[in-house]
Amino acid sequence: MMDDELLEENDDELFEHHRIVTDAKQGLVRIDKFLMDRLPNVTRTKIQHGIHDGFVKVNEKEIKPNYKVHPNDVITVSFPEPPRDTDVVPENIPLHITFEDEHLLVINKSAGMVVHPAYQNWSGTLVNALAYHFQHLPEMPGNDGRPGLVHRIDKDTSGLLVIAKTEKAMASLAKQFFDHSIERTYQAIVWGVPVPPEGTINVNVGRSLKDRRVTTAFPEADFGRTAITHYRLLQDYRYVSLIECKLETGRTHQIRAHMKFIGHPIFNDGTYGGNEVLKGTVFSKYKQFVDNCFKIIPRQALHAKTLGFIHPATNKFIQFDSELPADFKEVMERWENYVKYN
């Protein structure tokens, strides 16, 4: 039920987490049902996704979710990060808190901060900071080691996240994310100017079949999961533009993959091709200007600007807004001046 999944894997190697050898008298049973009975706090849907992504193998071969387990099968479950205990080390890292009461808090995350510990990022994360500043935060079932989290945003995306402080708040917020009733808007600088200036991208996205670290759009809908992004042009800078994206679903890298799919990658998004000069001339003066902008905002120009939801205790809708970060605003000002005088 986690939305806005964060991909932080920087290596295609898979690490074995579970190895199960079936009994010589094992009866025929579907692999997903078999694993549900043996892996704690893992849903059947998550197991099926793992099988589809190649994380589950039988006798060293990838299988389909309807595979029937046989006697003496060797079943392995592997993931991109090595096994690790779920103890979170508290770290005295400052938090930018937008709102807090006894039920929840809303945090404005800085770009560069990983949300939770994972492979190659075991410390310095938002969760490490939460463990220091708050005790006894709840955890979602099957999400050990990630106290308070009901969703997440990418490491180099800045902006708002809501953190649950009670079990009741976590259950309520998790259901709202699952029902896609949370209202979220992002702002992004993208290459080019979208035509039409307002529209909806309804294209499945999923883990790339070539590179597990990347999310790909699947227009034929044979792969991936439903993903819907509503976009609106806010400012036309001729070569780039400022847009607003409203998420209806929250898939991994959804906005980044969708904007690349329609030909407008997010500015300086290295994973999706936005770190190259995609619009404008090849003259050195212009290229130098773009390179300087890349240095000002050395990340994808994406910010989670607003967040709205029903408060778990009051049952009233509340909404929060955040300012664009300094690097984001400076790059916008640079583009505004450039198109004015060139």
Protein backbone atom coordinates (compact mmCIF):
# COMPACT_ATOMS: atom_id res chain seq x y z
CA MET A 1 0.00 0.00 0.00
CA MET A 2 3.05 2.23 -0.13
CA ASP A 3 2.69 4.92 -2.81
CA ASP A 4 5.46 6.94 -4.40
CA GLU A 5 7.80 3.99 -4.15
CA LEU A 6 11.45 4.98 -4.00
CA LEU A 7 13.98 3.20 -6.20
CA GLU A 8 17.45 3.64 -4.76
CA GLU A 9 19.13 0.56 -6.18
CA ASN A 10 22.38 1.36 -7.93
CA ASP A 11 23.28 -2.17 -8.88
CA ASP A 12 21.51 -4.87 -10.90
CA GLU A 13 22.87 -7.63 -8.62
CA LEU A 14 20.24 -9.51 -6.63
CA PHE A 15 20.85 -10.70 -3.07
CA GLU A 16 19.23 -13.89 -1.83
CA HIS A 17 16.90 -13.34 1.13
CA HIS A 18 15.05 -16.66 1.31
CA ARG A 19 15.82 -20.20 0.15
CA ILE A 20 13.14 -22.87 0.57
CA VAL A 21 13.53 -26.52 -0.44
CA THR A 22 10.16 -28.25 -0.69
CA ASP A 23 9.49 -31.60 0.90
CA ALA A 24 9.71 -34.85 -1.12
CA LYS A 25 5.98 -35.30 -0.49
CA GLN A 26 5.04 -31.72 -1.39
CA GLY A 27 1.65 -31.54 -3.15
CA LEU A 28 1.05 -29.36 -6.20
CA VAL A 29 0.12 -25.82 -5.10
CA ARG A 30 0.46 -22.40 -6.73
CA ILE A 31 3.77 -20.69 -5.95
CA ASP A 32 2.12 -17.45 -4.75
CA LYS A 33 -0.10 -19.31 -2.27
CA PHE A 34 2.86 -21.46 -1.14
CA LEU A 35 5.01 -18.41 -0.41
CA MET A 36 2.18 -16.56 1.34
CA ASP A 37 2.15 -19.29 3.97
CA ARG A 38 5.90 -19.07 4.50
CA LEU A 39 6.86 -15.39 4.21
CA PRO A 40 5.65 -13.25 7.13
CA ASN A 41 3.74 -10.02 6.45
CA VAL A 42 3.85 -10.37 2.67
CA THR A 43 0.65 -10.08 0.62
CA ARG A 44 -0.23 -12.30 -2.32
CA THR A 45 -0.21 -9.25 -4.61
CA LYS A 46 3.31 -8.32 -3.55
CA ILE A 47 4.46 -11.89 -4.15
CA GLN A 48 2.91 -11.86 -7.63
CA HIS A 49 4.66 -8.57 -8.44
CA GLY A 50 7.93 -10.07 -7.19
CA ILE A 51 7.47 -13.09 -9.45
CA HIS A 52 6.70 -10.82 -12.41
CA ASP A 53 9.84 -8.74 -11.70
CA GLY A 54 12.02 -11.86 -11.59
CA PHE A 55 12.74 -11.80 -7.85
CA VAL A 56 11.39 -15.33 -7.34
CA LYS A 57 13.02 -18.32 -9.01
CA VAL A 58 12.44 -22.07 -8.86
CA ASN A 59 15.41 -24.29 -9.56
CA GLU A 60 17.30 -21.16 -10.72
CA LYS A 61 14.67 -20.34 -13.37
CA GLU A 62 12.13 -17.51 -13.49
CA ILE A 63 8.52 -18.69 -13.27
CA LYS A 64 4.97 -17.36 -13.64
CA PRO A 65 2.57 -16.68 -10.73
CA ASN A 66 0.49 -19.74 -11.67
CA TYR A 67 3.48 -22.10 -11.40
CA LYS A 68 2.67 -25.17 -9.28
CA VAL A 69 5.25 -26.07 -6.64
CA HIS A 70 6.61 -29.62 -7.01
CA PRO A 71 8.43 -31.97 -4.59
CA ASN A 72 12.10 -31.08 -4.01
CA ASP A 73 11.81 -27.66 -5.69
CA VAL A 74 14.44 -25.11 -4.67
CA ILE A 75 12.72 -21.74 -4.33
CA THR A 76 14.78 -18.56 -3.93
CA VAL A 77 13.54 -15.06 -3.22
CA SER A 78 16.07 -12.31 -3.96
CA PHE A 79 16.07 -8.50 -3.87
CA PRO A 80 18.37 -5.70 -5.11
CA GLU A 81 19.54 -4.98 -1.55
CA PRO A 82 21.28 -7.41 0.78
CA PRO A 83 19.44 -8.80 3.83
CA ARG A 84 19.68 -6.51 6.82
CA ASP A 85 18.02 -6.27 10.20
CA THR A 86 15.26 -3.72 10.57
CA ASP A 87 16.71 -1.81 13.52
CA VAL A 88 16.84 1.90 12.71
CA VAL A 89 19.71 3.91 14.19
CA PRO A 90 18.45 7.28 15.51
CA GLU A 91 20.39 10.23 14.06
CA ASN A 92 20.19 13.87 15.08
CA ILE A 93 19.22 15.23 11.67
CA PRO A 94 17.11 18.43 11.54
CA LEU A 95 13.55 18.07 10.24
CA HIS A 96 11.66 20.80 8.39
CA ILE A 97 8.22 20.36 9.93
CA THR A 98 5.33 22.13 8.18
CA PHE A 99 2.61 20.87 10.56
CA GLU A 100 2.42 18.67 13.63
CA ASP A 101 -0.20 17.50 16.10
CA GLU A 102 -0.55 14.37 18.24
CA HIS A 103 -1.72 12.31 15.26
CA LEU A 104 0.63 13.17 12.39
CA LEU A 105 3.22 15.52 11.03
CA VAL A 106 3.87 16.96 7.59
CA ILE A 107 7.52 17.31 6.61
CA ASN A 108 9.09 19.37 3.82
CA LYS A 109 11.90 17.06 2.68
CA SER A 110 15.05 18.54 1.20
CA ALA A 111 16.41 17.27 -2.10
CA GLY A 112 19.19 14.74 -1.56
CA MET A 113 17.65 13.11 1.50
CA VAL A 114 16.69 9.44 1.14
CA VAL A 115 13.36 8.65 2.80
CA HIS A 116 14.26 5.30 4.41
CA PRO A 117 17.35 3.10 4.85
CA ALA A 118 18.08 0.87 1.86
CA TYR A 119 20.99 -0.58 -0.05
CA GLN A 120 23.90 1.95 -0.15
CA ASN A 121 21.88 4.38 1.99
CA TRP A 122 21.73 2.87 5.49
CA SER A 123 22.14 6.18 7.33
CA GLY A 124 21.30 9.85 6.99
CA THR A 125 17.73 9.12 5.94
CA LEU A 126 14.44 10.69 6.94
CA VAL A 127 13.59 7.56 8.94
CA ASN A 128 16.86 7.86 10.91
CA ALA A 129 15.86 11.43 11.76
CA LEU A 130 12.33 10.40 12.73
CA ALA A 131 13.72 7.72 15.05
CA TYR A 132 15.75 10.39 16.85
CA HIS A 133 13.00 13.00 17.22
CA PHE A 134 10.02 10.69 17.84
CA GLN A 135 9.60 7.47 19.77
CA HIS A 136 7.16 4.64 19.15
CA LEU A 137 6.04 5.63 15.67
CA PRO A 138 3.78 2.93 14.15
CA GLU A 139 4.84 0.68 11.28
CA MET A 140 2.72 -0.66 8.46
CA PRO A 141 2.44 -4.47 8.30
CA GLY A 142 5.29 -5.90 6.25
CA ASN A 143 7.14 -2.59 6.38
CA ASP A 144 9.44 -3.21 9.32
CA GLY A 145 12.16 -0.62 9.85
CA ARG A 146 10.17 2.24 8.28
CA PRO A 147 8.31 3.80 11.23
CA GLY A 148 5.70 6.43 10.42
CA LEU A 149 5.91 6.04 6.66
CA VAL A 150 2.77 5.71 4.54
CA HIS A 151 4.32 7.04 1.30
CA ARG A 152 7.62 8.35 0.02
CA ILE A 153 9.21 10.54 -2.64
CA ASP A 154 12.48 10.15 -4.53
CA LYS A 155 15.81 11.06 -3.00
CA ASP A 156 16.39 14.05 -5.29
CA THR A 157 12.78 15.24 -5.28
CA SER A 158 11.99 17.86 -2.66
CA GLY A 159 8.67 18.50 -0.98
CA LEU A 160 5.91 17.39 1.35
CA LEU A 161 5.38 14.04 3.05
CA VAL A 162 2.91 13.09 5.77
CA ILE A 163 4.10 10.93 8.67
CA ALA A 164 1.73 8.94 10.91
CA LYS A 165 2.29 9.18 14.69
CA THR A 166 -0.45 6.73 15.74
CA GLU A 167 -1.79 3.40 14.52
CA LYS A 168 -5.16 5.01 13.79
CA ALA A 169 -3.55 7.77 11.72
CA MET A 170 -1.46 5.24 9.82
CA ALA A 171 -4.49 3.09 8.96
CA SER A 172 -6.51 6.11 7.85
CA LEU A 173 -3.76 7.66 5.73
CA ALA A 174 -2.77 4.31 4.19
CA LYS A 175 -6.38 3.73 3.11
CA GLN A 176 -6.57 7.20 1.59
CA PHE A 177 -3.43 6.53 -0.44
CA PHE A 178 -4.77 3.12 -1.46
CA ASP A 179 -8.06 4.71 -2.55
CA HIS A 180 -6.17 7.47 -4.44
CA SER A 181 -8.13 10.11 -2.52
CA ILE A 182 -5.03 11.98 -1.30
CA GLU A 183 -4.62 15.24 -3.23
CA ARG A 184 -1.06 15.87 -4.35
CA THR A 185 0.37 18.40 -6.76
CA TYR A 186 3.96 18.63 -7.93
CA GLN A 187 5.72 21.37 -9.85
CA ALA A 188 8.42 20.58 -12.37
CA ILE A 189 10.62 22.30 -14.91
CA VAL A 190 10.51 20.22 -18.09
CA TRP A 191 12.18 20.44 -21.47
CA GLY A 192 9.99 22.04 -24.15
CA VAL A 193 6.41 23.24 -23.88
CA PRO A 194 3.68 20.58 -23.66
CA VAL A 195 0.98 20.63 -26.33
CA PRO A 196 -1.83 20.78 -25.43
CA PRO A 197 -0.98 22.97 -22.42
CA GLU A 198 -3.25 20.89 -20.19
CA GLY A 199 -3.97 17.18 -20.34
CA THR A 200 -4.00 13.75 -18.76
CA ILE A 201 -1.40 11.01 -19.24
CA ASN A 202 -3.07 7.63 -18.68
CA VAL A 203 -0.31 5.17 -19.53
CA ASN A 204 0.82 2.14 -17.53
CA VAL A 205 4.25 2.30 -15.95
CA GLY A 206 6.47 -0.39 -14.51
CA ARG A 207 10.01 -1.51 -13.93
CA SER A 208 11.99 -1.45 -17.17
CA LEU A 209 12.57 -4.86 -18.72
CA LYS A 210 16.15 -3.76 -19.50
CA ASP A 211 17.13 -1.89 -16.33
CA ARG A 212 15.39 -2.53 -12.99
CA ARG A 213 16.40 0.90 -11.70
CA VAL A 214 14.28 2.69 -14.29
CA THR A 215 10.52 3.02 -14.67
CA THR A 216 9.17 2.70 -18.21
CA ALA A 217 5.86 3.67 -19.78
CA PHE A 218 3.97 0.77 -21.39
CA PRO A 219 1.40 2.30 -23.78
CA GLU A 220 0.10 -1.10 -24.90
CA ALA A 221 -0.94 -1.84 -21.30
CA ASP A 222 0.43 -5.38 -21.47
CA PHE A 223 2.88 -4.58 -18.67
CA GLY A 224 3.11 -2.29 -15.70
CA ARG A 225 0.42 -0.83 -13.47
CA THR A 226 -2.20 1.84 -14.07
CA ALA A 227 -0.69 5.32 -13.77
CA ILE A 228 -2.56 8.60 -14.25
CA THR A 229 -0.97 12.06 -14.21
CA HIS A 230 -2.86 15.31 -14.87
CA TYR A 231 -0.56 18.11 -16.03
CA ARG A 232 -1.02 21.85 -16.60
CA LEU A 233 1.32 24.43 -18.11
CA LEU A 234 2.11 27.23 -15.64
CA GLN A 235 4.88 29.16 -17.42
CA ASP A 236 6.32 29.00 -20.94
CA TYR A 237 10.06 29.74 -21.13
CA ARG A 238 10.30 28.74 -24.84
CA TYR A 239 12.99 26.10 -24.32
CA VAL A 240 11.70 24.77 -21.01
CA SER A 241 8.48 25.26 -19.08
CA LEU A 242 7.11 25.15 -15.56
CA ILE A 243 4.27 22.67 -15.18
CA GLU A 244 2.01 21.43 -12.42
CA CYS A 245 1.29 17.72 -12.12
CA LYS A 246 -1.59 16.31 -10.12
CA LEU A 247 -1.22 12.65 -9.25
CA GLU A 248 -4.19 10.34 -9.42
CA THR A 249 -1.98 7.31 -8.77
CA GLY A 250 1.47 7.22 -7.17
CA ARG A 251 3.77 4.79 -8.93
CA THR A 252 7.55 4.69 -8.74
CA HIS A 253 8.99 7.62 -10.73
CA GLN A 254 5.53 8.16 -12.26
CA ILE A 255 5.86 11.83 -13.19
CA ARG A 256 9.43 11.38 -14.41
CA ALA A 257 8.51 8.43 -16.64
CA HIS A 258 5.30 10.03 -17.92
CA MET A 259 6.97 13.31 -18.86
CA LYS A 260 9.69 11.46 -20.74
CA PHE A 261 6.99 9.42 -22.50
CA ILE A 262 5.29 12.55 -23.89
CA GLY A 263 8.65 14.00 -24.95
CA HIS A 264 9.20 16.48 -22.12
CA PRO A 265 11.71 15.00 -19.63
CA ILE A 266 12.19 16.82 -16.35
CA PHE A 267 15.06 19.29 -16.45
CA ASN A 268 18.36 17.73 -15.31
CA ASP A 269 16.79 14.32 -14.66
CA GLY A 270 19.79 12.14 -15.49
CA THR A 271 17.85 8.88 -15.21
CA TYR A 272 15.31 9.92 -17.84
CA GLY A 273 17.47 11.93 -20.25
CA GLY A 274 16.74 15.40 -18.94
CA ASN A 275 20.40 16.18 -18.23
CA GLU A 276 21.12 16.88 -21.90
CA VAL A 277 20.31 19.92 -24.05
CA LEU A 278 17.03 18.79 -25.61
CA LYS A 279 15.68 22.13 -26.91
CA GLY A 280 17.40 25.17 -28.37
CA THR A 281 20.51 25.87 -30.41
CA VAL A 282 23.89 24.17 -30.33
CA PHE A 283 25.76 27.45 -29.96
CA SER A 284 28.30 27.42 -27.16
CA LYS A 285 26.78 30.45 -25.41
CA TYR A 286 23.41 28.72 -25.03
CA LYS A 287 24.99 25.42 -24.04
CA GLN A 288 27.06 27.20 -21.38
CA PHE A 289 23.89 28.81 -20.03
CA VAL A 290 22.17 25.40 -19.74
CA ASP A 291 25.23 23.84 -18.09
CA ASN A 292 25.24 26.65 -15.53
CA CYS A 293 21.57 25.93 -14.80
CA PHE A 294 22.40 22.25 -14.33
CA LYS A 295 25.01 23.26 -11.75
CA ILE A 296 22.50 25.42 -9.88
CA ILE A 297 20.00 22.55 -9.62
CA PRO A 298 22.11 19.35 -9.69
CA ARG A 299 19.04 17.08 -9.57
CA GLN A 300 15.71 16.60 -11.29
CA ALA A 301 13.68 19.83 -11.08
CA LEU A 302 10.71 18.24 -9.30
CA HIS A 303 9.02 19.41 -6.11
CA ALA A 304 6.08 17.92 -4.17
CA LYS A 305 4.33 21.24 -3.60
CA THR A 306 0.93 20.52 -2.05
CA LEU A 307 -0.55 17.71 -0.01
CA GLY A 308 -4.18 17.37 1.06
CA PHE A 309 -6.05 14.65 2.95
CA ILE A 310 -8.77 13.91 5.48
CA HIS A 311 -7.41 14.30 9.00
CA PRO A 312 -7.66 10.89 10.74
CA ALA A 313 -9.06 12.37 13.97
CA THR A 314 -11.19 15.35 12.88
CA ASN A 315 -12.39 13.84 9.57
CA LYS A 316 -11.91 17.30 8.03
CA PHE A 317 -9.98 17.93 4.82
CA ILE A 318 -6.68 19.72 5.41
CA GLN A 319 -4.19 20.89 2.80
CA PHE A 320 -0.60 22.09 2.96
CA ASP A 321 1.50 24.09 0.55
CA SER A 322 5.27 24.52 0.35
CA GLU A 323 7.55 27.07 -1.27
CA LEU A 324 9.71 26.03 -4.16
CA PRO A 325 13.32 25.46 -3.02
CA ALA A 326 15.95 28.12 -3.70
CA ASP A 327 17.71 26.14 -6.45
CA PHE A 328 14.39 25.62 -8.25
CA LYS A 329 13.44 29.32 -8.08
CA GLU A 330 16.88 30.49 -9.20
CA VAL A 331 16.78 28.31 -12.32
CA MET A 332 13.30 29.63 -13.17
CA GLU A 333 14.56 33.21 -12.84
CA ARG A 334 17.55 32.40 -15.07
CA TRP A 335 15.27 31.03 -17.82
CA GLU A 336 12.87 33.94 -17.51
CA ASN A 337 15.72 36.42 -18.04
CA TYR A 338 17.23 34.37 -20.84
CA VAL A 339 14.09 34.32 -22.98
CA LYS A 340 13.49 38.00 -22.25
CA TYR A 341 16.86 39.15 -23.56
CA ASN A 342 17.66 36.53 -26.23
